[in-house]
Amino acid sequence: MTVESLLKEVVLLTESEGLMKGCEILLEVDDTPLSVSIDVKQIKQVILNMVKNAMDAIEEVGEEHTGMIRIKTATENNFVQITIADNGRGMDHNTLVRLFDPFFTTKESGTGLGLSVSYRIIKNHGGTISVDSQKGEGTSFMIKLPLVF
């Protein structure tokens, strides 16, 4: 499966929820189809989790804030990098260092398993997942997966 078709599917699944939460989802993908050998269901779940987390972070900023989630792809060596960036509330250092720990959550109704499971799924696919966040400015998740040639 190509990365582009997977991401388009995720955008279709989340677009209407995003609009209800005052959130626009932009997809910026390369013209070249990028193929990866993945368990589509698992990777789709990871991307959906990231997009839903981004929506929650934007929702917490408030009504007058126009939410923006950018999903884009880039190639680096033999990897595709999928970046999911939002302009939500961002995270402080203490949250960032514990982000992928099982059962760590900042949400009232969260289980704290979404990101730790996502981390393990990406690792099992030979990839990496990293995060960059500034309090009050937003968060970017970078997922790298090996390309298939």
Protein backbone atom coordinates (compact mmCIF):
# COMPACT_ATOMS: atom_id res chain seq x y z
CA MET A 1 0.00 0.00 0.00
CA THR A 2 1.18 3.52 -0.64
CA VAL A 3 1.60 5.96 2.20
CA GLU A 4 -0.49 8.54 0.31
CA SER A 5 -3.57 6.29 0.02
CA LEU A 6 -3.33 5.39 3.72
CA LEU A 7 -3.12 9.07 4.74
CA LYS A 8 -5.98 10.06 2.42
CA GLU A 9 -8.11 7.39 4.07
CA VAL A 10 -7.26 8.72 7.55
CA VAL A 11 -8.16 12.27 6.47
CA LEU A 12 -11.51 11.04 5.11
CA LEU A 13 -12.21 9.27 8.41
CA THR A 14 -11.36 12.28 10.60
CA GLU A 15 -12.32 15.32 8.50
CA SER A 16 -15.92 15.70 9.69
CA GLU A 17 -14.97 15.25 13.36
CA GLY A 18 -12.25 17.85 12.84
CA LEU A 19 -14.69 20.35 11.36
CA MET A 20 -17.06 19.85 14.30
CA LYS A 21 -14.14 20.65 16.62
CA GLY A 22 -13.16 23.74 14.62
CA CYS A 23 -10.19 22.01 13.09
CA GLU A 24 -8.92 21.92 9.52
CA ILE A 25 -6.87 18.93 8.34
CA LEU A 26 -4.40 19.58 5.54
CA LEU A 27 -2.71 16.76 3.68
CA GLU A 28 0.54 17.54 1.85
CA VAL A 29 2.00 14.47 0.15
CA ASP A 30 4.73 13.92 -2.41
CA ASP A 31 3.65 13.25 -5.99
CA THR A 32 5.79 10.12 -6.08
CA PRO A 33 3.96 7.11 -4.62
CA LEU A 34 5.84 5.84 -1.58
CA SER A 35 5.49 2.15 -0.81
CA VAL A 36 5.94 0.65 2.61
CA SER A 37 5.52 -2.91 3.84
CA ILE A 38 3.15 -2.49 6.78
CA ASP A 39 0.22 -3.93 8.62
CA VAL A 40 -2.23 -1.37 7.24
CA LYS A 41 -4.71 -1.68 10.13
CA GLN A 42 -2.00 -1.10 12.76
CA ILE A 43 -0.40 1.89 11.03
CA LYS A 44 -3.81 3.41 10.29
CA GLN A 45 -4.62 3.07 14.00
CA VAL A 46 -1.37 4.89 14.89
CA ILE A 47 -2.09 7.77 12.49
CA LEU A 48 -5.74 8.01 13.64
CA ASN A 49 -4.55 8.13 17.26
CA MET A 50 -2.14 10.99 16.46
CA VAL A 51 -4.80 12.98 14.59
CA LYS A 52 -7.34 12.50 17.40
CA ASN A 53 -4.75 13.60 19.97
CA ALA A 54 -4.07 16.68 17.85
CA MET A 55 -7.80 17.48 17.75
CA ASP A 56 -8.01 17.18 21.54
CA ALA A 57 -5.01 19.49 21.99
CA ILE A 58 -6.57 22.07 19.66
CA GLU A 59 -9.99 21.79 21.33
CA GLU A 60 -8.40 22.64 24.69
CA VAL A 61 -7.07 25.95 23.33
CA GLY A 62 -10.59 27.32 22.97
CA GLU A 63 -13.37 28.31 20.61
CA GLU A 64 -11.79 31.41 19.04
CA HIS A 65 -8.71 29.41 17.98
CA THR A 66 -8.67 28.08 14.41
CA GLY A 67 -7.27 24.59 14.61
CA MET A 68 -4.88 23.31 11.97
CA ILE A 69 -3.53 19.79 11.61
CA ARG A 70 -0.94 19.31 8.87
CA ILE A 71 -0.09 15.82 7.71
CA LYS A 72 2.83 15.67 5.32
CA THR A 73 5.29 13.21 3.90
CA ALA A 74 8.94 13.47 2.99
CA THR A 75 11.60 10.95 2.07
CA GLU A 76 14.88 10.68 3.90
CA ASN A 77 17.42 8.02 2.89
CA ASN A 78 15.39 4.79 2.66
CA PHE A 79 12.60 6.03 4.93
CA VAL A 80 9.36 7.92 4.52
CA GLN A 81 8.71 10.47 7.23
CA ILE A 82 5.09 11.19 8.08
CA THR A 83 4.71 14.39 10.09
CA ILE A 84 1.50 15.17 11.96
CA ALA A 85 1.68 18.74 13.24
CA ASP A 86 -0.95 20.72 15.12
CA ASN A 87 -1.28 24.24 16.50
CA GLY A 88 -2.82 23.04 19.76
CA ARG A 89 -1.74 23.75 23.33
CA GLY A 90 1.66 22.05 23.10
CA MET A 91 3.39 20.19 25.94
CA ASP A 92 5.88 21.03 28.64
CA HIS A 93 9.13 19.12 29.20
CA ASN A 94 7.71 16.94 32.02
CA THR A 95 4.92 15.70 29.75
CA LEU A 96 7.26 15.16 26.79
CA VAL A 97 9.67 12.89 28.68
CA ARG A 98 6.85 10.57 29.82
CA LEU A 99 4.78 10.72 26.64
CA PHE A 100 5.38 7.13 25.46
CA ASP A 101 5.19 5.56 28.95
CA PRO A 102 2.32 3.07 29.35
CA PHE A 103 -0.58 4.45 31.45
CA PHE A 104 0.74 8.04 31.37
CA THR A 105 -2.05 10.41 30.36
CA THR A 106 -2.99 14.08 30.65
CA LYS A 107 -6.62 13.39 29.71
CA GLU A 108 -9.41 12.86 32.23
CA SER A 109 -10.82 9.92 30.30
CA GLY A 110 -7.55 8.66 28.80
CA THR A 111 -6.03 5.23 29.45
CA GLY A 112 -2.47 6.32 28.68
CA LEU A 113 -2.06 3.45 26.23
CA GLY A 114 -2.50 5.14 22.83
CA LEU A 115 1.01 6.50 22.42
CA SER A 116 2.83 3.62 24.12
CA VAL A 117 1.05 1.14 21.82
CA SER A 118 1.70 3.41 18.81
CA TYR A 119 5.39 3.54 19.73
CA ARG A 120 5.59 -0.25 19.87
CA ILE A 121 3.75 -0.67 16.54
CA ILE A 122 6.14 1.70 14.75
CA LYS A 123 9.19 -0.01 16.35
CA ASN A 124 7.85 -3.43 15.22
CA HIS A 125 7.70 -2.06 11.66
CA GLY A 126 11.39 -1.09 11.78
CA GLY A 127 10.54 2.58 12.17
CA THR A 128 10.93 5.38 14.67
CA ILE A 129 8.58 7.88 16.23
CA SER A 130 9.65 11.18 17.73
CA VAL A 131 7.94 14.32 18.98
CA ASP A 132 8.69 18.01 19.10
CA SER A 133 6.47 20.35 21.10
CA GLN A 134 6.41 23.92 22.37
CA LYS A 135 4.00 24.91 25.14
CA GLY A 136 1.36 27.21 23.64
CA GLU A 137 2.53 26.68 20.05
CA GLY A 138 1.68 23.11 19.12
CA THR A 139 3.15 19.67 18.62
CA SER A 140 4.69 17.66 15.77
CA PHE A 141 4.94 13.89 15.67
CA MET A 142 7.41 12.42 13.18
CA ILE A 143 6.96 8.79 12.16
CA LYS A 144 9.65 7.19 10.00
CA LEU A 145 8.97 3.91 8.22
CA PRO A 146 11.29 1.98 5.89
CA LEU A 147 10.47 2.29 2.19
CA VAL A 148 10.08 -0.75 -0.06
CA PHE A 149 11.75 -0.49 -3.48
